[in-house]
Amino acid sequence: MAGWYELSKSSNGQFRFVLKAANAETILTSELYATRSAAENGIASVQTNSPHDERYERKLAQNGKPYFNLKAANHQVIGTSEQYSSEAARDQGIASVKSNGPSTTIKDKT
């Protein structure tokens, strides 16, 4: 089974999506969007940009834990990963987003 997106609405009425791997773990979380269509455009951007290694910004959090951002061609952050225990684990997370990001399955949780 491939990964999928879950589109949801926050308590303040904004929208966000997460990308889930086949094992149902969240591998990428979006920012909050004011409209549903903006969140859907964010999903389309992940589908387009996730296969490209140059779109991943590998970072360290203030606590020293590695994580990554997926960026669009215009350098805006589309989604952010969790914090990982090691750089190798972060790189596995990137590989998972690369393989699951092109998914066209969207589960509407709104």
C-alpha atoms as a PDB file:
ATOM      1  CA  MET A   1       0.000   0.000   0.000  1.00  0.00           C
ATOM      2  CA  ALA A   2       1.247   3.459  -0.836  1.00  0.00           C
ATOM      3  CA  GLY A   3       1.110   6.556   1.317  1.00  0.00           C
ATOM      4  CA  TRP A   4      -1.678   9.134   1.340  1.00  0.00           C
ATOM      5  CA  TYR A   5      -2.589  12.657   2.356  1.00  0.00           C
ATOM      6  CA  GLU A   6      -5.013  13.573   5.097  1.00  0.00           C
ATOM      7  CA  LEU A   7      -6.675  16.967   4.761  1.00  0.00           C
ATOM      8  CA  SER A   8      -8.124  18.334   7.991  1.00  0.00           C
ATOM      9  CA  LYS A   9      -9.554  21.483   9.527  1.00  0.00           C
ATOM     10  CA  SER A  10      -8.086  22.984  12.695  1.00  0.00           C
ATOM     11  CA  SER A  11     -10.097  24.287  15.618  1.00  0.00           C
ATOM     12  CA  ASN A  12      -9.710  27.868  14.327  1.00  0.00           C
ATOM     13  CA  GLY A  13     -11.164  26.968  10.915  1.00  0.00           C
ATOM     14  CA  GLN A  14      -7.911  26.782   8.978  1.00  0.00           C
ATOM     15  CA  PHE A  15      -6.793  23.816   6.891  1.00  0.00           C
ATOM     16  CA  ARG A  16      -3.694  21.623   6.983  1.00  0.00           C
ATOM     17  CA  PHE A  17      -2.554  18.378   5.484  1.00  0.00           C
ATOM     18  CA  VAL A  18      -0.220  15.614   6.529  1.00  0.00           C
ATOM     19  CA  LEU A  19       1.486  13.038   4.334  1.00  0.00           C
ATOM     20  CA  LYS A  20       1.295   9.541   5.779  1.00  0.00           C
ATOM     21  CA  ALA A  21       3.541   6.615   4.882  1.00  0.00           C
ATOM     22  CA  ALA A  22       2.098   3.183   4.124  1.00  0.00           C
ATOM     23  CA  ASN A  23       2.515   2.287   7.833  1.00  0.00           C
ATOM     24  CA  ALA A  24       0.253   5.283   8.729  1.00  0.00           C
ATOM     25  CA  GLU A  25       3.104   7.304  10.278  1.00  0.00           C
ATOM     26  CA  THR A  26       3.038  11.034   9.558  1.00  0.00           C
ATOM     27  CA  ILE A  27       6.128  11.901   7.510  1.00  0.00           C
ATOM     28  CA  LEU A  28       5.366  15.514   6.530  1.00  0.00           C
ATOM     29  CA  THR A  29       3.128  18.211   8.045  1.00  0.00           C
ATOM     30  CA  SER A  30       2.009  21.371   6.269  1.00  0.00           C
ATOM     31  CA  GLU A  31       1.563  24.869   7.567  1.00  0.00           C
ATOM     32  CA  LEU A  32      -1.947  26.159   8.239  1.00  0.00           C
ATOM     33  CA  TYR A  33      -3.861  27.478   5.231  1.00  0.00           C
ATOM     34  CA  ALA A  34      -6.753  29.948   5.315  1.00  0.00           C
ATOM     35  CA  THR A  35      -8.721  28.083   2.644  1.00  0.00           C
ATOM     36  CA  ARG A  36      -9.287  24.511   1.554  1.00  0.00           C
ATOM     37  CA  SER A  37      -8.153  25.295  -1.991  1.00  0.00           C
ATOM     38  CA  ALA A  38      -4.852  26.697  -0.676  1.00  0.00           C
ATOM     39  CA  ALA A  39      -4.260  23.446   1.257  1.00  0.00           C
ATOM     40  CA  GLU A  40      -5.120  21.440  -1.870  1.00  0.00           C
ATOM     41  CA  ASN A  41      -2.577  23.535  -3.793  1.00  0.00           C
ATOM     42  CA  GLY A  42      -0.043  22.661  -1.071  1.00  0.00           C
ATOM     43  CA  ILE A  43      -0.713  18.961  -1.631  1.00  0.00           C
ATOM     44  CA  ALA A  44      -0.219  19.446  -5.381  1.00  0.00           C
ATOM     45  CA  SER A  45       3.075  21.189  -4.637  1.00  0.00           C
ATOM     46  CA  VAL A  46       4.281  18.238  -2.523  1.00  0.00           C
ATOM     47  CA  GLN A  47       3.261  15.854  -5.312  1.00  0.00           C
ATOM     48  CA  THR A  48       5.362  17.899  -7.767  1.00  0.00           C
ATOM     49  CA  ASN A  49       8.377  18.714  -5.599  1.00  0.00           C
ATOM     50  CA  SER A  50       8.826  15.645  -3.365  1.00  0.00           C
ATOM     51  CA  PRO A  51      10.767  13.532  -5.899  1.00  0.00           C
ATOM     52  CA  HIS A  52      13.527  16.181  -6.231  1.00  0.00           C
ATOM     53  CA  ASP A  53      16.416  15.950  -3.754  1.00  0.00           C
ATOM     54  CA  GLU A  54      17.345  19.626  -4.184  1.00  0.00           C
ATOM     55  CA  ARG A  55      13.955  20.604  -2.695  1.00  0.00           C
ATOM     56  CA  TYR A  56      14.895  19.216   0.743  1.00  0.00           C
ATOM     57  CA  GLU A  57      16.452  21.501   3.309  1.00  0.00           C
ATOM     58  CA  ARG A  58      18.260  19.399   5.913  1.00  0.00           C
ATOM     59  CA  LYS A  59      18.341  21.202   9.258  1.00  0.00           C
ATOM     60  CA  LEU A  60      19.109  20.814  12.948  1.00  0.00           C
ATOM     61  CA  ALA A  61      16.627  21.945  15.589  1.00  0.00           C
ATOM     62  CA  GLN A  62      17.795  24.031  18.559  1.00  0.00           C
ATOM     63  CA  ASN A  63      17.986  20.820  20.578  1.00  0.00           C
ATOM     64  CA  GLY A  64      20.392  19.348  17.993  1.00  0.00           C
ATOM     65  CA  LYS A  65      17.926  16.886  16.502  1.00  0.00           C
ATOM     66  CA  PRO A  66      17.835  16.625  12.690  1.00  0.00           C
ATOM     67  CA  TYR A  67      14.723  17.377  10.643  1.00  0.00           C
ATOM     68  CA  PHE A  68      13.921  18.620   7.158  1.00  0.00           C
ATOM     69  CA  ASN A  69      11.752  21.042   5.242  1.00  0.00           C
ATOM     70  CA  LEU A  70      10.384  20.354   1.777  1.00  0.00           C
ATOM     71  CA  LYS A  71      10.486  23.519  -0.308  1.00  0.00           C
ATOM     72  CA  ALA A  72       8.838  24.521  -3.561  1.00  0.00           C
ATOM     73  CA  ALA A  73      10.780  25.885  -6.526  1.00  0.00           C
ATOM     74  CA  ASN A  74      10.149  29.408  -5.150  1.00  0.00           C
ATOM     75  CA  HIS A  75      11.916  28.349  -1.901  1.00  0.00           C
ATOM     76  CA  GLN A  76       8.756  28.515   0.230  1.00  0.00           C
ATOM     77  CA  VAL A  77       8.405  25.723   2.793  1.00  0.00           C
ATOM     78  CA  ILE A  78       5.606  23.315   1.836  1.00  0.00           C
ATOM     79  CA  GLY A  79       5.983  20.907   4.730  1.00  0.00           C
ATOM     80  CA  THR A  80       8.142  20.022   7.711  1.00  0.00           C
ATOM     81  CA  SER A  81       9.164  16.664   9.139  1.00  0.00           C
ATOM     82  CA  GLU A  82       9.255  15.487  12.703  1.00  0.00           C
ATOM     83  CA  GLN A  83      12.547  15.652  14.597  1.00  0.00           C
ATOM     84  CA  TYR A  84      14.652  12.537  14.187  1.00  0.00           C
ATOM     85  CA  SER A  85      17.132  10.763  16.466  1.00  0.00           C
ATOM     86  CA  SER A  86      19.911  10.801  13.858  1.00  0.00           C
ATOM     87  CA  GLU A  87      20.835  12.179  10.447  1.00  0.00           C
ATOM     88  CA  ALA A  88      20.470   8.654   9.029  1.00  0.00           C
ATOM     89  CA  ALA A  89      16.892   8.475  10.345  1.00  0.00           C
ATOM     90  CA  ARG A  90      16.188  11.916   8.831  1.00  0.00           C
ATOM     91  CA  ASP A  91      17.536  10.730   5.494  1.00  0.00           C
ATOM     92  CA  GLN A  92      15.205   7.707   5.674  1.00  0.00           C
ATOM     93  CA  GLY A  93      12.343  10.156   6.293  1.00  0.00           C
ATOM     94  CA  ILE A  94      13.322  12.099   3.175  1.00  0.00           C
ATOM     95  CA  ALA A  95      13.410   8.859   1.173  1.00  0.00           C
ATOM     96  CA  SER A  96       9.914   8.043   2.452  1.00  0.00           C
ATOM     97  CA  VAL A  97       8.562  11.460   1.398  1.00  0.00           C
ATOM     98  CA  LYS A  98      10.205  11.023  -2.012  1.00  0.00           C
ATOM     99  CA  SER A  99       8.436   7.694  -2.538  1.00  0.00           C
ATOM    100  CA  ASN A 100       5.061   8.584  -0.943  1.00  0.00           C
ATOM    101  CA  GLY A 101       4.789  12.251  -1.952  1.00  0.00           C
ATOM    102  CA  PRO A 102       3.541  11.618  -5.505  1.00  0.00           C
ATOM    103  CA  SER A 103       0.502   9.765  -4.108  1.00  0.00           C
ATOM    104  CA  THR A 104      -2.852  10.990  -5.400  1.00  0.00           C
ATOM    105  CA  THR A 105      -4.849   9.500  -2.516  1.00  0.00           C
ATOM    106  CA  ILE A 106      -6.373  12.226  -0.337  1.00  0.00           C
ATOM    107  CA  LYS A 107      -8.457  11.338   2.712  1.00  0.00           C
ATOM    108  CA  ASP A 108     -10.764  14.193   3.609  1.00  0.00           C
ATOM    109  CA  LYS A 109     -10.979  14.565   7.404  1.00  0.00           C
ATOM    110  CA  THR A 110     -12.738  17.951   7.305  1.00  0.00           C
END
